[in-house]
């Protein structure tokens, strides 16, 4: 995956791990798409890939997308995606334990400090 698609996968999985996608989460993802997608991408195909994952496959796919994004991104781009991820999880005013664990995985692996 290229970094933009990997970022999309990261945000979509992060929005789904609590089993509800709110309007505010969708808004954050749309803003990400507006900022990060310089070319036309078949989002239906990407959504099909994500939708066909079983719950027990989410973390492995998240980790793969996280690694793909990291490999192609600058530190600034990683920080920007982390900000989108934080905004996404905060957008419904509740950060669930599973959302927090995925955020922690991003922060611990990317070590933005």
PDB file of N, CA and C in Angstrom:
ATOM      1  N   UNK A   1       0.843  -1.187   0.000  1.00  0.00           N
ATOM      2  CA  UNK A   1       0.000   0.000   0.000  1.00  0.00           C
ATOM      3  C   UNK A   1       0.882   1.243   0.000  1.00  0.00           C
ATOM      4  N   UNK A   2       0.457   2.254  -0.732  1.00  0.00           N
ATOM      5  CA  UNK A   2       1.184   3.508  -0.614  1.00  0.00           C
ATOM      6  C   UNK A   2       0.729   4.207   0.672  1.00  0.00           C
ATOM      7  N   UNK A   3       1.421   5.253   1.053  1.00  0.00           N
ATOM      8  CA  UNK A   3       1.154   5.866   2.356  1.00  0.00           C
ATOM      9  C   UNK A   3      -0.249   6.442   2.461  1.00  0.00           C
ATOM     10  N   UNK A   4      -0.781   7.009   1.398  1.00  0.00           N
ATOM     11  CA  UNK A   4      -2.106   7.611   1.472  1.00  0.00           C
ATOM     12  C   UNK A   4      -3.177   6.551   1.677  1.00  0.00           C
ATOM     13  N   UNK A   5      -3.086   5.477   0.927  1.00  0.00           N
ATOM     14  CA  UNK A   5      -4.050   4.384   1.089  1.00  0.00           C
ATOM     15  C   UNK A   5      -3.860   3.715   2.447  1.00  0.00           C
ATOM     16  N   UNK A   6      -2.624   3.533   2.865  1.00  0.00           N
ATOM     17  CA  UNK A   6      -2.362   2.948   4.185  1.00  0.00           C
ATOM     18  C   UNK A   6      -2.974   3.823   5.283  1.00  0.00           C
ATOM     19  N   UNK A   7      -2.832   5.138   5.155  1.00  0.00           N
ATOM     20  CA  UNK A   7      -3.441   6.043   6.136  1.00  0.00           C
ATOM     21  C   UNK A   7      -4.943   5.910   6.161  1.00  0.00           C
ATOM     22  N   UNK A   8      -5.546   5.776   4.994  1.00  0.00           N
ATOM     23  CA  UNK A   8      -6.999   5.571   4.906  1.00  0.00           C
ATOM     24  C   UNK A   8      -7.393   4.284   5.617  1.00  0.00           C
ATOM     25  N   UNK A   9      -6.665   3.210   5.374  1.00  0.00           N
ATOM     26  CA  UNK A   9      -6.961   1.935   6.033  1.00  0.00           C
ATOM     27  C   UNK A   9      -6.822   2.083   7.558  1.00  0.00           C
ATOM     28  N   UNK A  10      -5.775   2.766   8.002  1.00  0.00           N
ATOM     29  CA  UNK A  10      -5.579   2.966   9.445  1.00  0.00           C
ATOM     30  C   UNK A  10      -6.781   3.685  10.062  1.00  0.00           C
ATOM     31  N   UNK A  11      -7.199   4.768   9.429  1.00  0.00           N
ATOM     32  CA  UNK A  11      -8.305   5.538   9.987  1.00  0.00           C
ATOM     33  C   UNK A  11      -9.623   4.768   9.922  1.00  0.00           C
ATOM     34  N   UNK A  12      -9.842   4.037   8.847  1.00  0.00           N
ATOM     35  CA  UNK A  12     -11.093   3.272   8.732  1.00  0.00           C
ATOM     36  C   UNK A  12     -11.157   2.162   9.784  1.00  0.00           C
ATOM     37  N   UNK A  13     -10.065   1.465   9.995  1.00  0.00           N
ATOM     38  CA  UNK A  13     -10.065   0.421  11.026  1.00  0.00           C
ATOM     39  C   UNK A  13     -10.240   1.064  12.396  1.00  0.00           C
ATOM     40  N   UNK A  14      -9.538   2.146  12.644  1.00  0.00           N
ATOM     41  CA  UNK A  14      -9.666   2.838  13.924  1.00  0.00           C
ATOM     42  C   UNK A  14     -11.103   3.292  14.169  1.00  0.00           C
ATOM     43  N   UNK A  15     -11.796   3.692  13.119  1.00  0.00           N
ATOM     44  CA  UNK A  15     -13.187   4.122  13.287  1.00  0.00           C
ATOM     45  C   UNK A  15     -14.119   2.942  13.530  1.00  0.00           C
ATOM     46  N   UNK A  16     -13.719   1.757  13.106  1.00  0.00           N
ATOM     47  CA  UNK A  16     -14.601   0.587  13.197  1.00  0.00           C
ATOM     48  C   UNK A  16     -14.404  -0.263  14.443  1.00  0.00           C
ATOM     49  N   UNK A  17     -13.287  -0.117  15.133  1.00  0.00           N
ATOM     50  CA  UNK A  17     -12.977  -1.050  16.222  1.00  0.00           C
ATOM     51  C   UNK A  17     -13.971  -0.992  17.388  1.00  0.00           C
ATOM     52  N   UNK A  18     -14.729   0.092  17.500  1.00  0.00           N
ATOM     53  CA  UNK A  18     -15.745   0.151  18.554  1.00  0.00           C
ATOM     54  C   UNK A  18     -17.125  -0.239  18.007  1.00  0.00           C
ATOM     55  N   UNK A  19     -17.155  -0.734  16.778  1.00  0.00           N
ATOM     56  CA  UNK A  19     -18.357  -1.237  16.111  1.00  0.00           C
ATOM     57  C   UNK A  19     -19.414  -0.172  15.848  1.00  0.00           C
ATOM     58  N   UNK A  20     -18.997   1.091  15.767  1.00  0.00           N
ATOM     59  CA  UNK A  20     -19.917   2.142  15.347  1.00  0.00           C
ATOM     60  C   UNK A  20     -19.098   3.247  14.701  1.00  0.00           C
ATOM     61  N   UNK A  21     -19.569   3.696  13.568  1.00  0.00           N
ATOM     62  CA  UNK A  21     -18.915   4.791  12.870  1.00  0.00           C
ATOM     63  C   UNK A  21     -19.873   5.976  12.921  1.00  0.00           C
ATOM     64  N   UNK A  22     -19.441   7.033  13.568  1.00  0.00           N
ATOM     65  CA  UNK A  22     -20.300   8.199  13.730  1.00  0.00           C
ATOM     66  C   UNK A  22     -20.098   9.188  12.584  1.00  0.00           C
ATOM     67  N   UNK A  23     -21.009  10.097  12.490  1.00  0.00           N
ATOM     68  CA  UNK A  23     -20.928  11.152  11.479  1.00  0.00           C
ATOM     69  C   UNK A  23     -19.644  11.970  11.668  1.00  0.00           C
ATOM     70  N   UNK A  24     -19.284  12.232  12.922  1.00  0.00           N
ATOM     71  CA  UNK A  24     -18.072  13.013  13.181  1.00  0.00           C
ATOM     72  C   UNK A  24     -16.812  12.255  12.774  1.00  0.00           C
ATOM     73  N   UNK A  25     -16.811  10.932  12.983  1.00  0.00           N
ATOM     74  CA  UNK A  25     -15.657  10.136  12.536  1.00  0.00           C
ATOM     75  C   UNK A  25     -15.555  10.176  11.011  1.00  0.00           C
ATOM     76  N   UNK A  26     -16.700  10.035  10.352  1.00  0.00           N
ATOM     77  CA  UNK A  26     -16.729  10.104   8.892  1.00  0.00           C
ATOM     78  C   UNK A  26     -16.200  11.455   8.406  1.00  0.00           C
ATOM     79  N   UNK A  27     -16.542  12.509   9.110  1.00  0.00           N
ATOM     80  CA  UNK A  27     -16.084  13.851   8.747  1.00  0.00           C
ATOM     81  C   UNK A  27     -14.553  13.957   8.828  1.00  0.00           C
ATOM     82  N   UNK A  28     -13.970  13.397   9.884  1.00  0.00           N
ATOM     83  CA  UNK A  28     -12.508  13.415  10.036  1.00  0.00           C
ATOM     84  C   UNK A  28     -11.854  12.664   8.875  1.00  0.00           C
ATOM     85  N   UNK A  29     -12.413  11.517   8.518  1.00  0.00           N
ATOM     86  CA  UNK A  29     -11.844  10.733   7.418  1.00  0.00           C
ATOM     87  C   UNK A  29     -11.969  11.498   6.105  1.00  0.00           C
ATOM     88  N   UNK A  30     -13.084  12.170   5.894  1.00  0.00           N
ATOM     89  CA  UNK A  30     -13.259  12.968   4.668  1.00  0.00           C
ATOM     90  C   UNK A  30     -12.235  14.105   4.590  1.00  0.00           C
ATOM     91  N   UNK A  31     -11.965  14.740   5.714  1.00  0.00           N
ATOM     92  CA  UNK A  31     -10.953  15.802   5.737  1.00  0.00           C
ATOM     93  C   UNK A  31      -9.581  15.212   5.390  1.00  0.00           C
ATOM     94  N   UNK A  32      -9.273  14.039   5.954  1.00  0.00           N
ATOM     95  CA  UNK A  32      -8.019  13.362   5.606  1.00  0.00           C
ATOM     96  C   UNK A  32      -7.948  13.135   4.097  1.00  0.00           C
ATOM     97  N   UNK A  33      -9.032  12.622   3.526  1.00  0.00           N
ATOM     98  CA  UNK A  33      -9.049  12.346   2.092  1.00  0.00           C
ATOM     99  C   UNK A  33      -8.831  13.614   1.271  1.00  0.00           C
ATOM    100  N   UNK A  34      -9.460  14.694   1.675  1.00  0.00           N
ATOM    101  CA  UNK A  34      -9.299  15.966   0.961  1.00  0.00           C
ATOM    102  C   UNK A  34      -7.848  16.445   0.980  1.00  0.00           C
ATOM    103  N   UNK A  35      -7.181  16.246   2.115  1.00  0.00           N
ATOM    104  CA  UNK A  35      -5.805  16.712   2.252  1.00  0.00           C
ATOM    105  C   UNK A  35      -4.772  15.776   1.636  1.00  0.00           C
ATOM    106  N   UNK A  36      -5.053  14.493   1.633  1.00  0.00           N
ATOM    107  CA  UNK A  36      -4.011  13.520   1.318  1.00  0.00           C
ATOM    108  C   UNK A  36      -4.149  12.788  -0.006  1.00  0.00           C
ATOM    109  N   UNK A  37      -5.281  12.892  -0.671  1.00  0.00           N
ATOM    110  CA  UNK A  37      -5.449  12.134  -1.904  1.00  0.00           C
ATOM    111  C   UNK A  37      -5.257  13.033  -3.116  1.00  0.00           C
ATOM    112  N   UNK A  38      -4.029  13.074  -3.658  1.00  0.00           N
ATOM    113  CA  UNK A  38      -3.761  13.934  -4.813  1.00  0.00           C
ATOM    114  C   UNK A  38      -4.281  13.354  -6.127  1.00  0.00           C
ATOM    115  N   UNK A  39      -4.562  12.056  -6.133  1.00  0.00           N
ATOM    116  CA  UNK A  39      -5.024  11.400  -7.357  1.00  0.00           C
ATOM    117  C   UNK A  39      -6.317  10.651  -7.062  1.00  0.00           C
ATOM    118  N   UNK A  40      -7.001  10.264  -8.117  1.00  0.00           N
ATOM    119  CA  UNK A  40      -8.221   9.475  -7.954  1.00  0.00           C
ATOM    120  C   UNK A  40      -7.850   8.060  -7.496  1.00  0.00           C
ATOM    121  N   UNK A  41      -8.522   7.609  -6.462  1.00  0.00           N
ATOM    122  CA  UNK A  41      -8.302   6.268  -5.935  1.00  0.00           C
ATOM    123  C   UNK A  41      -9.658   5.599  -5.846  1.00  0.00           C
ATOM    124  N   UNK A  42      -9.689   4.319  -6.133  1.00  0.00           N
ATOM    125  CA  UNK A  42     -10.937   3.576  -6.048  1.00  0.00           C
ATOM    126  C   UNK A  42     -11.213   3.246  -4.582  1.00  0.00           C
ATOM    127  N   UNK A  43     -11.925   4.152  -3.909  1.00  0.00           N
ATOM    128  CA  UNK A  43     -12.211   3.950  -2.488  1.00  0.00           C
ATOM    129  C   UNK A  43     -13.166   2.785  -2.264  1.00  0.00           C
ATOM    130  N   UNK A  44     -14.005   2.484  -3.253  1.00  0.00           N
ATOM    131  CA  UNK A  44     -14.884   1.322  -3.126  1.00  0.00           C
ATOM    132  C   UNK A  44     -14.058   0.047  -2.987  1.00  0.00           C
ATOM    133  N   UNK A  45     -12.989  -0.043  -3.782  1.00  0.00           N
ATOM    134  CA  UNK A  45     -12.110  -1.216  -3.698  1.00  0.00           C
ATOM    135  C   UNK A  45     -11.425  -1.285  -2.335  1.00  0.00           C
ATOM    136  N   UNK A  46     -10.946  -0.129  -1.870  1.00  0.00           N
ATOM    137  CA  UNK A  46     -10.277  -0.099  -0.567  1.00  0.00           C
ATOM    138  C   UNK A  46     -11.243  -0.438   0.556  1.00  0.00           C
ATOM    139  N   UNK A  47     -12.467   0.082   0.466  1.00  0.00           N
ATOM    140  CA  UNK A  47     -13.481  -0.214   1.483  1.00  0.00           C
ATOM    141  C   UNK A  47     -13.839  -1.699   1.455  1.00  0.00           C
ATOM    142  N   UNK A  48     -13.880  -2.295   0.272  1.00  0.00           N
ATOM    143  CA  UNK A  48     -14.168  -3.733   0.168  1.00  0.00           C
ATOM    144  C   UNK A  48     -13.092  -4.548   0.870  1.00  0.00           C
ATOM    145  N   UNK A  49     -11.832  -4.142   0.701  1.00  0.00           N
ATOM    146  CA  UNK A  49     -10.733  -4.844   1.377  1.00  0.00           C
ATOM    147  C   UNK A  49     -10.930  -4.779   2.889  1.00  0.00           C
ATOM    148  N   UNK A  50     -11.204  -3.584   3.392  1.00  0.00           N
ATOM    149  CA  UNK A  50     -11.373  -3.391   4.831  1.00  0.00           C
ATOM    150  C   UNK A  50     -12.613  -4.125   5.332  1.00  0.00           C
ATOM    151  N   UNK A  51     -13.712  -4.020   4.590  1.00  0.00           N
ATOM    152  CA  UNK A  51     -14.977  -4.641   5.009  1.00  0.00           C
ATOM    153  C   UNK A  51     -14.904  -6.160   5.046  1.00  0.00           C
ATOM    154  N   UNK A  52     -14.048  -6.725   4.205  1.00  0.00           N
ATOM    155  CA  UNK A  52     -13.941  -8.178   4.158  1.00  0.00           C
ATOM    156  C   UNK A  52     -13.024  -8.762   5.225  1.00  0.00           C
ATOM    157  N   UNK A  53     -12.386  -7.898   6.003  1.00  0.00           N
ATOM    158  CA  UNK A  53     -11.550  -8.391   7.091  1.00  0.00           C
ATOM    159  C   UNK A  53     -12.422  -8.905   8.227  1.00  0.00           C
ATOM    160  N   UNK A  54     -12.019 -10.015   8.804  1.00  0.00           N
ATOM    161  CA  UNK A  54     -12.673 -10.509  10.017  1.00  0.00           C
ATOM    162  C   UNK A  54     -12.117  -9.715  11.195  1.00  0.00           C
ATOM    163  N   UNK A  55     -12.896  -9.617  12.241  1.00  0.00           N
ATOM    164  CA  UNK A  55     -12.490  -8.847  13.417  1.00  0.00           C
ATOM    165  C   UNK A  55     -11.102  -9.267  13.897  1.00  0.00           C
ATOM    166  N   UNK A  56     -10.833 -10.549  13.879  1.00  0.00           N
ATOM    167  CA  UNK A  56      -9.537 -11.030  14.370  1.00  0.00           C
ATOM    168  C   UNK A  56      -8.390 -10.699  13.410  1.00  0.00           C
ATOM    169  N   UNK A  57      -8.695 -10.207  12.215  1.00  0.00           N
ATOM    170  CA  UNK A  57      -7.666  -9.800  11.259  1.00  0.00           C
ATOM    171  C   UNK A  57      -7.369  -8.297  11.317  1.00  0.00           C
ATOM    172  N   UNK A  58      -8.189  -7.535  12.030  1.00  0.00           N
ATOM    173  CA  UNK A  58      -8.055  -6.082  12.049  1.00  0.00           C
ATOM    174  C   UNK A  58      -6.675  -5.631  12.516  1.00  0.00           C
ATOM    175  N   UNK A  59      -6.211  -6.169  13.624  1.00  0.00           N
ATOM    176  CA  UNK A  59      -4.946  -5.682  14.171  1.00  0.00           C
ATOM    177  C   UNK A  59      -3.772  -5.994  13.238  1.00  0.00           C
ATOM    178  N   UNK A  60      -3.758  -7.166  12.639  1.00  0.00           N
ATOM    179  CA  UNK A  60      -2.671  -7.504  11.714  1.00  0.00           C
ATOM    180  C   UNK A  60      -2.701  -6.581  10.492  1.00  0.00           C
ATOM    181  N   UNK A  61      -3.884  -6.312   9.987  1.00  0.00           N
ATOM    182  CA  UNK A  61      -4.005  -5.413   8.836  1.00  0.00           C
ATOM    183  C   UNK A  61      -3.621  -3.984   9.244  1.00  0.00           C
ATOM    184  N   UNK A  62      -4.032  -3.576  10.426  1.00  0.00           N
ATOM    185  CA  UNK A  62      -3.681  -2.260  10.955  1.00  0.00           C
ATOM    186  C   UNK A  62      -2.159  -2.131  11.051  1.00  0.00           C
ATOM    187  N   UNK A  63      -1.518  -3.161  11.566  1.00  0.00           N
ATOM    188  CA  UNK A  63      -0.059  -3.157  11.712  1.00  0.00           C
ATOM    189  C   UNK A  63       0.621  -3.086  10.346  1.00  0.00           C
ATOM    190  N   UNK A  64       0.119  -3.843   9.380  1.00  0.00           N
ATOM    191  CA  UNK A  64       0.675  -3.810   8.022  1.00  0.00           C
ATOM    192  C   UNK A  64       0.527  -2.412   7.431  1.00  0.00           C
ATOM    193  N   UNK A  65      -0.663  -1.808   7.558  1.00  0.00           N
ATOM    194  CA  UNK A  65      -0.886  -0.459   7.036  1.00  0.00           C
ATOM    195  C   UNK A  65       0.006   0.555   7.752  1.00  0.00           C
ATOM    196  N   UNK A  66       0.163   0.363   9.045  1.00  0.00           N
ATOM    197  CA  UNK A  66       1.009   1.242   9.847  1.00  0.00           C
ATOM    198  C   UNK A  66       2.467   1.175   9.348  1.00  0.00           C
ATOM    199  N   UNK A  67       2.950  -0.022   9.087  1.00  0.00           N
ATOM    200  CA  UNK A  67       4.316  -0.202   8.585  1.00  0.00           C
ATOM    201  C   UNK A  67       4.469   0.384   7.178  1.00  0.00           C
ATOM    202  N   UNK A  68       3.472   0.150   6.316  1.00  0.00           N
ATOM    203  CA  UNK A  68       3.524   0.693   4.955  1.00  0.00           C
ATOM    204  C   UNK A  68       3.536   2.216   4.985  1.00  0.00           C
ATOM    205  N   UNK A  69       2.700   2.807   5.828  1.00  0.00           N
ATOM    206  CA  UNK A  69       2.663   4.261   5.935  1.00  0.00           C
ATOM    207  C   UNK A  69       4.018   4.773   6.422  1.00  0.00           C
ATOM    208  N   UNK A  70       4.533   4.153   7.461  1.00  0.00           N
ATOM    209  CA  UNK A  70       5.815   4.573   8.042  1.00  0.00           C
ATOM    210  C   UNK A  70       6.936   4.555   7.010  1.00  0.00           C
ATOM    211  N   UNK A  71       6.975   3.489   6.221  1.00  0.00           N
ATOM    212  CA  UNK A  71       8.047   3.334   5.238  1.00  0.00           C
ATOM    213  C   UNK A  71       8.062   4.452   4.200  1.00  0.00           C
ATOM    214  N   UNK A  72       6.894   4.980   3.843  1.00  0.00           N
ATOM    215  CA  UNK A  72       6.801   5.977   2.772  1.00  0.00           C
ATOM    216  C   UNK A  72       6.658   7.407   3.274  1.00  0.00           C
ATOM    217  N   UNK A  73       6.470   7.602   4.566  1.00  0.00           N
ATOM    218  CA  UNK A  73       6.130   8.928   5.088  1.00  0.00           C
ATOM    219  C   UNK A  73       7.315   9.607   5.768  1.00  0.00           C
ATOM    220  N   UNK A  74       7.245  10.915   5.763  1.00  0.00           N
ATOM    221  CA  UNK A  74       8.198  11.702   6.542  1.00  0.00           C
ATOM    222  C   UNK A  74       7.695  11.773   7.987  1.00  0.00           C
ATOM    223  N   UNK A  75       8.546  12.244   8.874  1.00  0.00           N
ATOM    224  CA  UNK A  75       8.140  12.425  10.268  1.00  0.00           C
ATOM    225  C   UNK A  75       6.937  13.375  10.345  1.00  0.00           C
ATOM    226  N   UNK A  76       6.953  14.424   9.559  1.00  0.00           N
ATOM    227  CA  UNK A  76       5.841  15.382   9.551  1.00  0.00           C
ATOM    228  C   UNK A  76       4.537  14.718   9.104  1.00  0.00           C
ATOM    229  N   UNK A  77       4.618  13.879   8.090  1.00  0.00           N
ATOM    230  CA  UNK A  77       3.413  13.174   7.607  1.00  0.00           C
ATOM    231  C   UNK A  77       2.896  12.191   8.654  1.00  0.00           C
ATOM    232  N   UNK A  78       3.801  11.521   9.348  1.00  0.00           N
ATOM    233  CA  UNK A  78       3.380  10.609  10.421  1.00  0.00           C
ATOM    234  C   UNK A  78       2.694  11.388  11.539  1.00  0.00           C
ATOM    235  N   UNK A  79       3.253  12.528  11.896  1.00  0.00           N
ATOM    236  CA  UNK A  79       2.645  13.355  12.949  1.00  0.00           C
ATOM    237  C   UNK A  79       1.261  13.831  12.522  1.00  0.00           C
ATOM    238  N   UNK A  80       1.119  14.195  11.263  1.00  0.00           N
ATOM    239  CA  UNK A  80      -0.185  14.647  10.768  1.00  0.00           C
ATOM    240  C   UNK A  80      -1.208  13.511  10.830  1.00  0.00           C
ATOM    241  N   UNK A  81      -0.789  12.299  10.464  1.00  0.00           N
ATOM    242  CA  UNK A  81      -1.725  11.173  10.547  1.00  0.00           C
ATOM    243  C   UNK A  81      -2.078  10.876  12.000  1.00  0.00           C
ATOM    244  N   UNK A  82      -1.109  10.972  12.891  1.00  0.00           N
ATOM    245  CA  UNK A  82      -1.400  10.773  14.317  1.00  0.00           C
ATOM    246  C   UNK A  82      -2.438  11.792  14.793  1.00  0.00           C
ATOM    247  N   UNK A  83      -2.346  13.016  14.318  1.00  0.00           N
ATOM    248  CA  UNK A  83      -3.337  14.033  14.697  1.00  0.00           C
ATOM    249  C   UNK A  83      -4.718  13.669  14.161  1.00  0.00           C
ATOM    250  N   UNK A  84      -4.785  13.154  12.940  1.00  0.00           N
ATOM    251  CA  UNK A  84      -6.065  12.680  12.401  1.00  0.00           C
ATOM    252  C   UNK A  84      -6.600  11.523  13.243  1.00  0.00           C
ATOM    253  N   UNK A  85      -5.730  10.608  13.634  1.00  0.00           N
ATOM    254  CA  UNK A  85      -6.155   9.457  14.440  1.00  0.00           C
ATOM    255  C   UNK A  85      -6.695   9.908  15.797  1.00  0.00           C
ATOM    256  N   UNK A  86      -6.044  10.874  16.411  1.00  0.00           N
ATOM    257  CA  UNK A  86      -6.516  11.398  17.693  1.00  0.00           C
ATOM    258  C   UNK A  86      -7.855  12.093  17.505  1.00  0.00           C
ATOM    259  N   UNK A  87      -7.959  12.935  16.481  1.00  0.00           N
ATOM    260  CA  UNK A  87      -9.221  13.633  16.214  1.00  0.00           C
ATOM    261  C   UNK A  87     -10.345  12.643  15.947  1.00  0.00           C
ATOM    262  N   UNK A  88     -10.036  11.587  15.237  1.00  0.00           N
ATOM    263  CA  UNK A  88     -11.033  10.564  14.931  1.00  0.00           C
ATOM    264  C   UNK A  88     -11.553   9.903  16.202  1.00  0.00           C
ATOM    265  N   UNK A  89     -10.648   9.482  17.068  1.00  0.00           N
ATOM    266  CA  UNK A  89     -11.082   8.779  18.276  1.00  0.00           C
ATOM    267  C   UNK A  89     -11.795   9.705  19.255  1.00  0.00           C
ATOM    268  N   UNK A  90     -11.460  10.990  19.241  1.00  0.00           N
ATOM    269  CA  UNK A  90     -12.109  11.946  20.139  1.00  0.00           C
ATOM    270  C   UNK A  90     -13.425  12.483  19.576  1.00  0.00           C
ATOM    271  N   UNK A  91     -13.682  12.266  18.296  1.00  0.00           N
ATOM    272  CA  UNK A  91     -14.806  12.920  17.623  1.00  0.00           C
ATOM    273  C   UNK A  91     -16.172  12.534  18.176  1.00  0.00           C
ATOM    274  N   UNK A  92     -16.292  11.349  18.757  1.00  0.00           N
ATOM    275  CA  UNK A  92     -17.585  10.962  19.340  1.00  0.00           C
ATOM    276  C   UNK A  92     -17.604  11.143  20.856  1.00  0.00           C
ATOM    277  N   UNK A  93     -16.609  11.815  21.383  1.00  0.00           N
ATOM    278  CA  UNK A  93     -16.500  12.182  22.802  1.00  0.00           C
ATOM    279  C   UNK A  93     -16.207  11.000  23.728  1.00  0.00           C
ATOM    280  N   UNK A  94     -15.956   9.819  23.144  1.00  0.00           N
ATOM    281  CA  UNK A  94     -15.644   8.632  23.948  1.00  0.00           C
ATOM    282  C   UNK A  94     -14.497   7.893  23.290  1.00  0.00           C
ATOM    283  N   UNK A  95     -13.428   7.670  24.041  1.00  0.00           N
ATOM    284  CA  UNK A  95     -12.324   6.848  23.544  1.00  0.00           C
ATOM    285  C   UNK A  95     -12.430   5.508  24.266  1.00  0.00           C
ATOM    286  N   UNK A  96     -12.805   4.488  23.501  1.00  0.00           N
ATOM    287  CA  UNK A  96     -12.982   3.166  24.100  1.00  0.00           C
ATOM    288  C   UNK A  96     -11.625   2.533  24.368  1.00  0.00           C
ATOM    289  N   UNK A  97     -11.571   1.534  25.232  1.00  0.00           N
ATOM    290  CA  UNK A  97     -10.298   0.850  25.484  1.00  0.00           C
ATOM    291  C   UNK A  97      -9.660   0.271  24.219  1.00  0.00           C
ATOM    292  N   UNK A  98     -10.468  -0.257  23.312  1.00  0.00           N
ATOM    293  CA  UNK A  98      -9.894  -0.829  22.095  1.00  0.00           C
ATOM    294  C   UNK A  98      -9.365   0.276  21.175  1.00  0.00           C
ATOM    295  N   UNK A  99     -10.062   1.397  21.086  1.00  0.00           N
ATOM    296  CA  UNK A  99      -9.539   2.528  20.314  1.00  0.00           C
ATOM    297  C   UNK A  99      -8.220   3.009  20.922  1.00  0.00           C
ATOM    298  N   UNK A 100      -8.189   3.082  22.226  1.00  0.00           N
ATOM    299  CA  UNK A 100      -6.979   3.509  22.920  1.00  0.00           C
ATOM    300  C   UNK A 100      -5.824   2.549  22.654  1.00  0.00           C
ATOM    301  N   UNK A 101      -6.106   1.261  22.609  1.00  0.00           N
ATOM    302  CA  UNK A 101      -5.024   0.304  22.356  1.00  0.00           C
ATOM    303  C   UNK A 101      -4.461   0.460  20.947  1.00  0.00           C
ATOM    304  N   UNK A 102      -5.324   0.745  19.967  1.00  0.00           N
ATOM    305  CA  UNK A 102      -4.843   0.967  18.604  1.00  0.00           C
ATOM    306  C   UNK A 102      -4.043   2.266  18.520  1.00  0.00           C
ATOM    307  N   UNK A 103      -4.511   3.318  19.194  1.00  0.00           N
ATOM    308  CA  UNK A 103      -3.746   4.567  19.236  1.00  0.00           C
ATOM    309  C   UNK A 103      -2.386   4.351  19.887  1.00  0.00           C
ATOM    310  N   UNK A 104      -2.373   3.630  20.996  1.00  0.00           N
ATOM    311  CA  UNK A 104      -1.109   3.335  21.676  1.00  0.00           C
ATOM    312  C   UNK A 104      -0.162   2.569  20.764  1.00  0.00           C
ATOM    313  N   UNK A 105      -0.696   1.644  19.986  1.00  0.00           N
ATOM    314  CA  UNK A 105       0.126   0.885  19.047  1.00  0.00           C
ATOM    315  C   UNK A 105       0.809   1.834  18.050  1.00  0.00           C
ATOM    316  N   UNK A 106       0.051   2.793  17.541  1.00  0.00           N
ATOM    317  CA  UNK A 106       0.631   3.787  16.631  1.00  0.00           C
ATOM    318  C   UNK A 106       1.735   4.587  17.319  1.00  0.00           C
ATOM    319  N   UNK A 107       1.429   5.113  18.491  1.00  0.00           N
ATOM    320  CA  UNK A 107       2.401   5.951  19.187  1.00  0.00           C
ATOM    321  C   UNK A 107       3.636   5.176  19.625  1.00  0.00           C
ATOM    322  N   UNK A 108       3.434   3.971  20.122  1.00  0.00           N
ATOM    323  CA  UNK A 108       4.572   3.180  20.592  1.00  0.00           C
ATOM    324  C   UNK A 108       5.463   2.732  19.428  1.00  0.00           C
ATOM    325  N   UNK A 109       4.850   2.408  18.301  1.00  0.00           N
ATOM    326  CA  UNK A 109       5.625   1.931  17.160  1.00  0.00           C
ATOM    327  C   UNK A 109       6.327   3.069  16.447  1.00  0.00           C
ATOM    328  N   UNK A 110       5.645   4.185  16.283  1.00  0.00           N
ATOM    329  CA  UNK A 110       6.212   5.316  15.551  1.00  0.00           C
ATOM    330  C   UNK A 110       7.051   6.220  16.432  1.00  0.00           C
ATOM    331  N   UNK A 111       6.896   6.136  17.740  1.00  0.00           N
ATOM    332  CA  UNK A 111       7.668   6.934  18.699  1.00  0.00           C
ATOM    333  C   UNK A 111       7.867   8.379  18.243  1.00  0.00           C
ATOM    334  N   UNK A 112       6.754   9.158  18.235  1.00  0.00           N
ATOM    335  CA  UNK A 112       6.842  10.519  17.699  1.00  0.00           C
ATOM    336  C   UNK A 112       7.587  11.516  18.580  1.00  0.00           C
ATOM    337  N   UNK A 113       8.071  11.110  19.711  1.00  0.00           N
ATOM    338  CA  UNK A 113       8.723  12.045  20.654  1.00  0.00           C
ATOM    339  C   UNK A 113       9.954  12.657  20.144  1.00  0.00           C
TER     340      UNK A 113
END
